[in-house]
Amino acid sequence: MVEISSLYFEGNNLIGRLKGKIVDSDVNCFMEIMPGKGFIDEKIYFPEIEKYKVSPGYYVIPIKD
């Protein structure tokens, strides 16, 4: 078993965090995405991930196998 308590990513106007568990070949993780205002204003990818929006500026995308 691999437990990911928090793997932090930072980019230009974008912060991400990966959390979850991997047991054998079963993946049960999620990616939190917190874009900055500059990233949101560009509207690059956000129409595709709006369904994962939890609150303004906070998205949670499940990663399951």
Protein backbone atom coordinates (compact mmCIF):
# COMPACT_ATOMS: atom_id res chain seq x y z
CA MET A 1 0.00 0.00 0.00
CA VAL A 2 1.12 3.51 -0.82
CA GLU A 3 -0.54 6.38 1.01
CA ILE A 4 -0.11 9.88 -0.37
CA SER A 5 -0.91 12.33 2.39
CA SER A 6 -0.13 15.38 0.26
CA LEU A 7 1.95 15.85 -2.89
CA TYR A 8 2.09 19.56 -3.70
CA PHE A 9 2.43 21.07 -7.20
CA GLU A 10 2.91 24.73 -8.05
CA GLY A 11 2.85 26.43 -11.43
CA ASN A 12 2.18 29.81 -12.96
CA ASN A 13 -1.10 30.93 -11.33
CA LEU A 14 -1.94 27.32 -10.42
CA ILE A 15 -1.56 25.16 -7.30
CA GLY A 16 -2.37 21.45 -7.10
CA ARG A 17 -2.31 18.76 -4.45
CA LEU A 18 -2.56 14.99 -4.87
CA LYS A 19 -3.94 12.84 -2.03
CA GLY A 20 -5.11 9.26 -1.67
CA LYS A 21 -4.10 5.60 -1.54
CA ILE A 22 -2.84 2.95 -3.91
CA VAL A 23 -3.45 -0.61 -2.73
CA ASP A 24 -2.14 -3.34 -5.03
CA SER A 25 -3.42 -2.12 -8.41
CA ASP A 26 -6.40 -0.23 -6.96
CA VAL A 27 -5.96 3.56 -7.21
CA ASN A 28 -8.17 5.76 -5.05
CA CYS A 29 -6.79 9.30 -5.19
CA PHE A 30 -7.95 12.79 -5.94
CA MET A 31 -6.32 15.92 -7.29
CA GLU A 32 -7.19 19.28 -5.78
CA ILE A 33 -6.67 22.19 -8.15
CA MET A 34 -6.62 25.80 -6.97
CA PRO A 35 -6.11 28.21 -9.86
CA GLY A 36 -5.14 31.81 -9.29
CA LYS A 37 -7.15 34.70 -10.72
CA GLY A 38 -4.78 35.07 -13.69
CA PHE A 39 -5.33 31.45 -14.68
CA ILE A 40 -9.12 31.66 -14.36
CA ASP A 41 -9.23 34.81 -16.49
CA GLU A 42 -7.51 32.96 -19.33
CA LYS A 43 -10.22 30.21 -19.34
CA ILE A 44 -7.80 27.72 -20.88
CA TYR A 45 -9.14 24.37 -19.62
CA PHE A 46 -11.89 25.22 -17.20
CA PRO A 47 -14.98 24.53 -19.32
CA GLU A 48 -13.95 20.84 -19.21
CA ILE A 49 -13.46 20.63 -15.43
CA GLU A 50 -16.39 22.77 -14.24
CA LYS A 51 -18.18 19.58 -13.16
CA TYR A 52 -15.46 19.10 -10.53
CA LYS A 53 -15.89 22.58 -9.04
CA VAL A 54 -16.45 22.46 -5.27
CA SER A 55 -16.33 26.21 -4.65
CA PRO A 56 -14.98 29.27 -6.49
CA GLY A 57 -11.32 28.59 -7.22
CA TYR A 58 -11.32 25.03 -5.87
CA TYR A 59 -11.71 21.86 -7.95
CA VAL A 60 -11.44 18.20 -6.87
CA ILE A 61 -10.86 15.60 -9.59
CA PRO A 62 -11.12 11.90 -8.63
CA ILE A 63 -8.41 9.57 -9.94
CA LYS A 64 -9.57 5.97 -9.80
CA ASP A 65 -8.45 2.79 -11.51
